[in-house]
Amino acid sequence: MPRMTLPSLFVLSTLPGFVLAGPPTADDYLASKPLLLEVRYCECQATKPDRPLSDLLPDFLQNSSILQASISGKDKGFLSSQELSMGYELRPVEGSPATFNFNYAGEYVASSGDNSGYGNLMMKEGQWVTLFGSHHENEAGSQHTSVAVRLVEMDGS
């Protein structure tokens, strides 16, 4: 069998209808599951005390770091960054479309100290849920840490 050389590949690649297949992209893997789990965390306040835990502050959304994972409707896994690690299990609630049972355990290592939380909660698709965080008063003022999560369809926002 004749050996293909670099010039031969160049000539072939210029012909109409000839395409060299490239390596898969991150989007190829992300699109393989229908839901996106989005976790946001920040050394800032996520919600106001007198507001629902799902009503996140614009500053939190703008300043928080983000971890994302594509998942199926029934899934379990682990996410981590330098500051945050979290294991989770997601199960759909029978008879309640777009509602999921979310079980989690996580730790957020912030400059103001370590935070951790665990729990089991009901989660509606598209709705933010504050998982855990802290609030400390000191001579420098108020210090907050917050971790929030939501689940969206891959083509949603």
N, C-alpha and C. Protein backbone atom coordinates (compact mmCIF):
# COMPACT_ATOMS: atom_id res chain seq x y z
N MET A 1 0.85 -1.17 0.00
CA MET A 1 0.00 0.00 0.00
C MET A 1 0.90 1.23 0.00
N PRO A 2 0.59 2.23 -0.84
CA PRO A 2 1.43 3.42 -0.89
C PRO A 2 1.29 4.25 0.37
N ARG A 3 2.38 4.86 0.74
CA ARG A 3 2.41 5.70 1.94
C ARG A 3 2.00 7.12 1.59
N MET A 4 1.11 7.73 2.41
CA MET A 4 0.67 9.10 2.19
C MET A 4 1.72 10.03 2.80
N THR A 5 2.13 11.02 2.06
CA THR A 5 3.07 11.99 2.57
C THR A 5 2.32 13.28 2.89
N LEU A 6 2.97 14.18 3.60
CA LEU A 6 2.36 15.45 3.96
C LEU A 6 1.89 16.23 2.73
N PRO A 7 2.71 16.33 1.65
CA PRO A 7 2.20 17.03 0.46
C PRO A 7 0.96 16.35 -0.14
N SER A 8 0.92 15.02 -0.10
CA SER A 8 -0.26 14.31 -0.61
C SER A 8 -1.50 14.66 0.19
N LEU A 9 -1.37 14.72 1.51
CA LEU A 9 -2.50 15.08 2.36
C LEU A 9 -2.95 16.51 2.09
N PHE A 10 -1.99 17.41 1.84
CA PHE A 10 -2.35 18.79 1.54
C PHE A 10 -3.17 18.87 0.25
N VAL A 11 -2.73 18.15 -0.77
CA VAL A 11 -3.45 18.17 -2.05
C VAL A 11 -4.85 17.59 -1.86
N LEU A 12 -4.96 16.49 -1.14
CA LEU A 12 -6.27 15.88 -0.90
C LEU A 12 -7.18 16.80 -0.11
N SER A 13 -6.63 17.51 0.85
CA SER A 13 -7.46 18.38 1.69
C SER A 13 -8.00 19.58 0.93
N THR A 14 -7.42 19.92 -0.21
CA THR A 14 -7.91 21.05 -1.00
C THR A 14 -9.00 20.63 -1.97
N LEU A 15 -9.22 19.35 -2.15
CA LEU A 15 -10.26 18.87 -3.05
C LEU A 15 -11.64 19.08 -2.43
N PRO A 16 -12.64 19.47 -3.23
CA PRO A 16 -13.99 19.63 -2.69
C PRO A 16 -14.52 18.30 -2.16
N GLY A 17 -15.17 18.35 -1.04
CA GLY A 17 -15.76 17.15 -0.47
C GLY A 17 -14.81 16.33 0.38
N PHE A 18 -13.55 16.69 0.46
CA PHE A 18 -12.60 15.95 1.28
C PHE A 18 -12.39 16.70 2.59
N VAL A 19 -12.66 16.05 3.68
CA VAL A 19 -12.54 16.70 4.98
C VAL A 19 -11.69 15.82 5.89
N LEU A 20 -10.72 16.42 6.54
CA LEU A 20 -9.94 15.70 7.53
C LEU A 20 -10.69 15.78 8.85
N ALA A 21 -10.93 14.65 9.45
CA ALA A 21 -11.63 14.64 10.74
C ALA A 21 -10.68 15.09 11.83
N GLY A 22 -11.13 16.06 12.61
CA GLY A 22 -10.32 16.56 13.71
C GLY A 22 -10.67 15.82 14.99
N PRO A 23 -9.93 16.10 16.02
CA PRO A 23 -10.22 15.46 17.31
C PRO A 23 -11.54 16.00 17.87
N PRO A 24 -12.18 15.26 18.75
CA PRO A 24 -13.43 15.75 19.34
C PRO A 24 -13.15 17.00 20.19
N THR A 25 -14.16 17.84 20.30
CA THR A 25 -14.03 19.04 21.12
C THR A 25 -14.74 18.82 22.45
N ALA A 26 -14.55 19.72 23.39
CA ALA A 26 -15.22 19.63 24.68
C ALA A 26 -16.73 19.68 24.50
N ASP A 27 -17.21 20.47 23.53
CA ASP A 27 -18.65 20.55 23.27
C ASP A 27 -19.24 19.22 22.83
N ASP A 28 -18.45 18.39 22.14
CA ASP A 28 -18.93 17.07 21.74
C ASP A 28 -19.27 16.22 22.96
N TYR A 29 -18.46 16.30 23.99
CA TYR A 29 -18.72 15.54 25.22
C TYR A 29 -19.85 16.17 26.03
N LEU A 30 -19.88 17.49 26.07
CA LEU A 30 -20.90 18.20 26.82
C LEU A 30 -22.29 17.90 26.27
N ALA A 31 -22.41 17.79 24.98
CA ALA A 31 -23.71 17.57 24.34
C ALA A 31 -24.19 16.13 24.44
N SER A 32 -23.40 15.24 25.02
CA SER A 32 -23.77 13.83 25.06
C SER A 32 -24.84 13.53 26.10
N LYS A 33 -25.12 14.44 27.01
CA LYS A 33 -26.15 14.25 28.03
C LYS A 33 -27.08 15.47 27.99
N PRO A 34 -28.37 15.29 28.28
CA PRO A 34 -29.36 16.36 28.06
C PRO A 34 -29.39 17.48 29.08
N LEU A 35 -28.79 17.31 30.26
CA LEU A 35 -28.89 18.31 31.31
C LEU A 35 -27.51 18.85 31.70
N LEU A 36 -27.51 20.09 32.19
CA LEU A 36 -26.29 20.72 32.64
C LEU A 36 -26.43 21.06 34.12
N LEU A 37 -25.55 20.52 34.95
CA LEU A 37 -25.49 20.85 36.36
C LEU A 37 -24.49 21.99 36.50
N GLU A 38 -24.96 23.11 37.03
CA GLU A 38 -24.13 24.31 37.17
C GLU A 38 -23.98 24.63 38.65
N VAL A 39 -22.75 24.66 39.13
CA VAL A 39 -22.45 24.98 40.53
C VAL A 39 -21.66 26.29 40.54
N ARG A 40 -22.13 27.26 41.32
CA ARG A 40 -21.45 28.55 41.46
C ARG A 40 -21.03 28.73 42.91
N TYR A 41 -19.85 29.32 43.11
CA TYR A 41 -19.34 29.55 44.46
C TYR A 41 -18.52 30.83 44.48
N CYS A 42 -18.56 31.49 45.64
CA CYS A 42 -17.93 32.80 45.72
C CYS A 42 -17.72 33.19 47.18
N GLU A 43 -16.70 34.01 47.42
CA GLU A 43 -16.53 34.63 48.74
C GLU A 43 -17.35 35.92 48.71
N CYS A 44 -18.64 35.74 48.57
CA CYS A 44 -19.59 36.85 48.52
C CYS A 44 -20.96 36.32 48.92
N GLN A 45 -21.89 37.21 49.07
CA GLN A 45 -23.24 36.86 49.51
C GLN A 45 -24.08 36.44 48.31
N ALA A 46 -24.76 35.30 48.40
CA ALA A 46 -25.59 34.81 47.30
C ALA A 46 -27.00 35.36 47.34
N THR A 47 -27.58 35.49 48.54
CA THR A 47 -28.97 35.94 48.68
C THR A 47 -29.09 36.93 49.82
N LYS A 48 -30.16 37.66 49.82
CA LYS A 48 -30.50 38.53 50.95
C LYS A 48 -31.24 37.69 51.98
N PRO A 49 -31.07 37.97 53.27
CA PRO A 49 -31.72 37.16 54.30
C PRO A 49 -33.25 37.13 54.20
N ASP A 50 -33.85 38.20 53.70
CA ASP A 50 -35.31 38.26 53.64
C ASP A 50 -35.87 37.79 52.29
N ARG A 51 -35.03 37.21 51.44
CA ARG A 51 -35.44 36.76 50.11
C ARG A 51 -35.36 35.24 50.01
N PRO A 52 -36.08 34.63 49.07
CA PRO A 52 -35.98 33.16 48.89
C PRO A 52 -34.55 32.75 48.53
N LEU A 53 -34.18 31.53 48.94
CA LEU A 53 -32.83 31.02 48.66
C LEU A 53 -32.59 30.83 47.16
N SER A 54 -33.63 30.83 46.36
CA SER A 54 -33.47 30.68 44.91
C SER A 54 -33.30 32.02 44.20
N ASP A 55 -33.44 33.13 44.92
CA ASP A 55 -33.34 34.47 44.35
C ASP A 55 -31.92 35.00 44.55
N LEU A 56 -31.01 34.61 43.64
CA LEU A 56 -29.60 34.98 43.79
C LEU A 56 -29.35 36.43 43.42
N LEU A 57 -28.41 37.03 44.12
CA LEU A 57 -28.03 38.42 43.87
C LEU A 57 -27.23 38.53 42.57
N PRO A 58 -27.43 39.61 41.81
CA PRO A 58 -26.67 39.79 40.56
C PRO A 58 -25.15 39.80 40.79
N ASP A 59 -24.69 40.37 41.91
CA ASP A 59 -23.25 40.37 42.19
C ASP A 59 -22.70 38.96 42.36
N PHE A 60 -23.48 38.09 42.98
CA PHE A 60 -23.04 36.70 43.14
C PHE A 60 -22.90 36.04 41.76
N LEU A 61 -23.90 36.21 40.91
CA LEU A 61 -23.85 35.60 39.58
C LEU A 61 -22.69 36.15 38.75
N GLN A 62 -22.39 37.41 38.91
CA GLN A 62 -21.32 38.04 38.14
C GLN A 62 -19.93 37.67 38.66
N ASN A 63 -19.77 37.54 39.98
CA ASN A 63 -18.45 37.36 40.57
C ASN A 63 -18.10 35.92 40.94
N SER A 64 -19.05 35.02 40.87
CA SER A 64 -18.79 33.66 41.32
C SER A 64 -18.01 32.86 40.29
N SER A 65 -17.30 31.86 40.79
CA SER A 65 -16.64 30.88 39.93
C SER A 65 -17.68 29.82 39.60
N ILE A 66 -17.43 29.07 38.54
CA ILE A 66 -18.43 28.11 38.07
C ILE A 66 -17.80 26.76 37.75
N LEU A 67 -18.52 25.71 38.11
CA LEU A 67 -18.21 24.34 37.69
C LEU A 67 -19.44 23.82 36.98
N GLN A 68 -19.26 23.12 35.86
CA GLN A 68 -20.38 22.57 35.12
C GLN A 68 -20.12 21.13 34.76
N ALA A 69 -21.20 20.36 34.68
CA ALA A 69 -21.11 18.97 34.24
C ALA A 69 -22.35 18.63 33.45
N SER A 70 -22.18 17.96 32.32
CA SER A 70 -23.35 17.46 31.59
C SER A 70 -23.74 16.15 32.25
N ILE A 71 -25.03 16.02 32.51
CA ILE A 71 -25.52 14.83 33.22
C ILE A 71 -26.83 14.36 32.59
N SER A 72 -27.21 13.16 32.92
CA SER A 72 -28.51 12.64 32.49
C SER A 72 -29.51 12.89 33.61
N GLY A 73 -30.75 12.56 33.39
CA GLY A 73 -31.78 12.77 34.41
C GLY A 73 -31.55 11.98 35.68
N LYS A 74 -30.88 10.86 35.57
CA LYS A 74 -30.50 10.05 36.74
C LYS A 74 -29.00 9.88 36.66
N ASP A 75 -28.29 10.45 37.63
CA ASP A 75 -26.85 10.49 37.51
C ASP A 75 -26.22 10.66 38.89
N LYS A 76 -24.98 10.28 39.03
CA LYS A 76 -24.21 10.63 40.20
C LYS A 76 -22.78 10.84 39.78
N GLY A 77 -22.09 11.71 40.51
CA GLY A 77 -20.74 12.02 40.11
C GLY A 77 -20.04 12.90 41.11
N PHE A 78 -18.93 13.48 40.67
CA PHE A 78 -18.08 14.29 41.52
C PHE A 78 -17.54 15.44 40.70
N LEU A 79 -17.58 16.65 41.25
CA LEU A 79 -17.01 17.84 40.63
C LEU A 79 -15.95 18.41 41.54
N SER A 80 -14.88 18.97 40.97
CA SER A 80 -13.89 19.59 41.84
C SER A 80 -13.11 20.66 41.10
N SER A 81 -12.66 21.62 41.86
CA SER A 81 -11.73 22.65 41.41
C SER A 81 -10.74 22.81 42.56
N GLN A 82 -9.89 23.80 42.48
CA GLN A 82 -8.93 24.03 43.56
C GLN A 82 -9.65 24.38 44.86
N GLU A 83 -10.79 25.10 44.77
CA GLU A 83 -11.49 25.57 45.96
C GLU A 83 -12.68 24.71 46.37
N LEU A 84 -13.35 24.07 45.42
CA LEU A 84 -14.61 23.38 45.69
C LEU A 84 -14.54 21.93 45.27
N SER A 85 -15.07 21.06 46.11
CA SER A 85 -15.26 19.66 45.72
C SER A 85 -16.65 19.25 46.17
N MET A 86 -17.34 18.49 45.31
CA MET A 86 -18.71 18.11 45.62
C MET A 86 -19.08 16.81 44.93
N GLY A 87 -19.62 15.88 45.72
CA GLY A 87 -20.21 14.68 45.18
C GLY A 87 -21.72 14.89 45.13
N TYR A 88 -22.38 14.27 44.17
CA TYR A 88 -23.81 14.46 44.02
C TYR A 88 -24.48 13.22 43.45
N GLU A 89 -25.78 13.13 43.69
CA GLU A 89 -26.63 12.13 43.06
C GLU A 89 -27.94 12.82 42.69
N LEU A 90 -28.38 12.61 41.48
CA LEU A 90 -29.59 13.24 40.96
C LEU A 90 -30.55 12.14 40.51
N ARG A 91 -31.80 12.26 40.95
CA ARG A 91 -32.84 11.30 40.54
C ARG A 91 -34.11 12.07 40.21
N PRO A 92 -34.77 11.75 39.09
CA PRO A 92 -36.03 12.42 38.78
C PRO A 92 -37.11 12.02 39.77
N VAL A 93 -38.01 12.94 40.07
CA VAL A 93 -39.14 12.66 40.96
C VAL A 93 -40.29 12.15 40.09
N GLU A 94 -40.76 10.94 40.38
CA GLU A 94 -41.85 10.35 39.58
C GLU A 94 -43.10 11.21 39.67
N GLY A 95 -43.73 11.43 38.52
CA GLY A 95 -44.97 12.18 38.47
C GLY A 95 -44.80 13.68 38.55
N SER A 96 -43.57 14.17 38.65
CA SER A 96 -43.30 15.62 38.69
C SER A 96 -42.26 15.96 37.63
N PRO A 97 -42.70 16.30 36.42
CA PRO A 97 -41.74 16.62 35.36
C PRO A 97 -40.83 17.78 35.77
N ALA A 98 -39.59 17.70 35.38
CA ALA A 98 -38.58 18.74 35.62
C ALA A 98 -38.30 18.96 37.11
N THR A 99 -38.61 17.97 37.96
CA THR A 99 -38.30 18.04 39.38
C THR A 99 -37.39 16.87 39.73
N PHE A 100 -36.35 17.16 40.51
CA PHE A 100 -35.34 16.16 40.80
C PHE A 100 -35.03 16.13 42.29
N ASN A 101 -34.66 14.95 42.76
CA ASN A 101 -34.15 14.77 44.11
C ASN A 101 -32.63 14.91 43.98
N PHE A 102 -32.05 15.86 44.71
CA PHE A 102 -30.62 16.16 44.62
C PHE A 102 -29.97 15.89 45.97
N ASN A 103 -29.08 14.92 46.01
CA ASN A 103 -28.34 14.55 47.21
C ASN A 103 -26.90 15.00 46.99
N TYR A 104 -26.30 15.68 47.97
CA TYR A 104 -24.96 16.22 47.76
C TYR A 104 -24.16 16.26 49.06
N ALA A 105 -22.86 16.31 48.90
CA ALA A 105 -21.91 16.58 49.98
C ALA A 105 -20.78 17.37 49.35
N GLY A 106 -20.44 18.52 49.96
CA GLY A 106 -19.42 19.36 49.34
C GLY A 106 -18.60 20.12 50.35
N GLU A 107 -17.46 20.61 49.87
CA GLU A 107 -16.58 21.44 50.68
C GLU A 107 -16.04 22.57 49.83
N TYR A 108 -16.07 23.78 50.39
CA TYR A 108 -15.56 24.98 49.73
C TYR A 108 -14.46 25.54 50.62
N VAL A 109 -13.24 25.59 50.10
CA VAL A 109 -12.09 26.11 50.83
C VAL A 109 -11.86 27.54 50.36
N ALA A 110 -12.21 28.50 51.23
CA ALA A 110 -12.09 29.92 50.92
C ALA A 110 -10.98 30.53 51.77
N SER A 111 -10.56 31.73 51.44
CA SER A 111 -9.51 32.39 52.21
C SER A 111 -9.97 32.68 53.64
N SER A 112 -11.28 32.82 53.84
CA SER A 112 -11.82 33.10 55.17
C SER A 112 -12.08 31.82 55.98
N GLY A 113 -11.81 30.65 55.40
CA GLY A 113 -12.00 29.39 56.11
C GLY A 113 -12.71 28.37 55.25
N ASP A 114 -12.80 27.17 55.78
CA ASP A 114 -13.45 26.07 55.06
C ASP A 114 -14.93 26.03 55.38
N ASN A 115 -15.74 25.72 54.38
CA ASN A 115 -17.18 25.53 54.53
C ASN A 115 -17.52 24.16 53.98
N SER A 116 -18.49 23.53 54.58
CA SER A 116 -18.95 22.27 54.02
C SER A 116 -20.45 22.15 54.24
N GLY A 117 -21.05 21.33 53.43
CA GLY A 117 -22.47 21.11 53.56
C GLY A 117 -22.85 19.79 52.92
N TYR A 118 -23.95 19.26 53.36
CA TYR A 118 -24.50 18.05 52.75
C TYR A 118 -26.00 18.09 52.93
N GLY A 119 -26.70 17.39 52.08
CA GLY A 119 -28.14 17.40 52.21
C GLY A 119 -28.81 16.66 51.08
N ASN A 120 -30.12 16.63 51.17
CA ASN A 120 -30.98 16.02 50.17
C ASN A 120 -32.14 16.98 49.98
N LEU A 121 -32.35 17.46 48.76
CA LEU A 121 -33.39 18.44 48.53
C LEU A 121 -34.08 18.20 47.19
N MET A 122 -35.24 18.83 47.03
CA MET A 122 -35.97 18.80 45.77
C MET A 122 -35.51 20.00 44.96
N MET A 123 -35.32 19.78 43.69
CA MET A 123 -34.78 20.80 42.81
C MET A 123 -35.62 20.87 41.55
N LYS A 124 -36.09 22.04 41.19
CA LYS A 124 -36.83 22.24 39.94
C LYS A 124 -35.85 22.68 38.86
N GLU A 125 -36.01 22.14 37.68
CA GLU A 125 -35.14 22.49 36.57
C GLU A 125 -35.19 24.01 36.34
N GLY A 126 -34.00 24.62 36.21
CA GLY A 126 -33.88 26.05 35.95
C GLY A 126 -33.84 26.92 37.19
N GLN A 127 -34.15 26.37 38.35
CA GLN A 127 -34.21 27.17 39.58
C GLN A 127 -32.92 27.03 40.38
N TRP A 128 -32.36 28.16 40.81
CA TRP A 128 -31.17 28.15 41.65
C TRP A 128 -31.54 27.70 43.06
N VAL A 129 -30.63 26.97 43.69
CA VAL A 129 -30.78 26.56 45.08
C VAL A 129 -29.46 26.85 45.79
N THR A 130 -29.52 27.59 46.89
CA THR A 130 -28.32 27.83 47.69
C THR A 130 -28.08 26.59 48.55
N LEU A 131 -26.90 26.01 48.44
CA LEU A 131 -26.60 24.77 49.16
C LEU A 131 -26.01 25.05 50.54
N PHE A 132 -24.96 25.85 50.62
CA PHE A 132 -24.34 26.16 51.90
C PHE A 132 -23.45 27.38 51.76
N GLY A 133 -23.00 27.89 52.89
CA GLY A 133 -22.15 29.06 52.91
C GLY A 133 -21.93 29.52 54.34
N SER A 134 -21.35 30.70 54.48
CA SER A 134 -21.11 31.22 55.83
C SER A 134 -21.18 32.73 55.81
N HIS A 135 -21.30 33.28 57.02
CA HIS A 135 -21.32 34.73 57.21
C HIS A 135 -20.59 35.03 58.51
N HIS A 136 -19.56 35.87 58.43
CA HIS A 136 -18.78 36.24 59.60
C HIS A 136 -18.64 37.75 59.64
N GLU A 137 -18.70 38.30 60.85
CA GLU A 137 -18.46 39.73 61.07
C GLU A 137 -17.10 39.87 61.74
N ASN A 138 -16.30 40.79 61.25
CA ASN A 138 -15.02 41.09 61.89
C ASN A 138 -14.70 42.57 61.68
N GLU A 139 -13.53 43.00 62.10
CA GLU A 139 -13.18 44.41 61.99
C GLU A 139 -13.12 44.89 60.54
N ALA A 140 -12.93 43.99 59.61
CA ALA A 140 -12.90 44.36 58.19
C ALA A 140 -14.31 44.45 57.61
N GLY A 141 -15.31 44.02 58.36
CA GLY A 141 -16.69 44.06 57.86
C GLY A 141 -17.28 42.66 57.76
N SER A 142 -18.28 42.52 56.93
CA SER A 142 -18.94 41.22 56.73
C SER A 142 -18.19 40.40 55.70
N GLN A 143 -18.02 39.12 56.00
CA GLN A 143 -17.41 38.19 55.06
C GLN A 143 -18.42 37.06 54.81
N HIS A 144 -18.68 36.81 53.54
CA HIS A 144 -19.64 35.78 53.15
C HIS A 144 -18.95 34.76 52.26
N THR A 145 -19.43 33.54 52.30
CA THR A 145 -19.13 32.53 51.30
C THR A 145 -20.45 31.89 50.93
N SER A 146 -20.59 31.49 49.69
CA SER A 146 -21.85 30.91 49.22
C SER A 146 -21.59 29.89 48.12
N VAL A 147 -22.41 28.85 48.13
CA VAL A 147 -22.39 27.83 47.08
C VAL A 147 -23.84 27.61 46.65
N ALA A 148 -24.09 27.71 45.35
CA ALA A 148 -25.43 27.53 44.80
C ALA A 148 -25.37 26.62 43.58
N VAL A 149 -26.50 26.00 43.25
CA VAL A 149 -26.55 25.03 42.15
C VAL A 149 -27.87 25.19 41.40
N ARG A 150 -27.83 24.85 40.12
CA ARG A 150 -29.07 24.73 39.33
C ARG A 150 -28.86 23.68 38.26
N LEU A 151 -29.97 23.24 37.71
CA LEU A 151 -29.99 22.23 36.67
C LEU A 151 -30.78 22.80 35.49
N VAL A 152 -30.19 22.79 34.30
CA VAL A 152 -30.86 23.33 33.12
C VAL A 152 -30.73 22.35 31.95
N GLU A 153 -31.64 22.47 31.00
CA GLU A 153 -31.51 21.70 29.77
C GLU A 153 -30.31 22.24 29.00
N MET A 154 -29.66 21.39 28.24
CA MET A 154 -28.44 21.81 27.53
C MET A 154 -28.69 22.98 26.60
N ASP A 155 -29.88 23.10 26.02
CA ASP A 155 -30.15 24.23 25.14
C ASP A 155 -30.84 25.38 25.86
N GLY A 156 -31.02 25.27 27.19
CA GLY A 156 -31.68 26.31 27.97
C GLY A 156 -30.67 27.22 28.63
N SER A 157 -31.17 28.17 29.44
CA SER A 157 -30.26 29.04 30.20
C SER A 157 -30.85 29.40 31.52
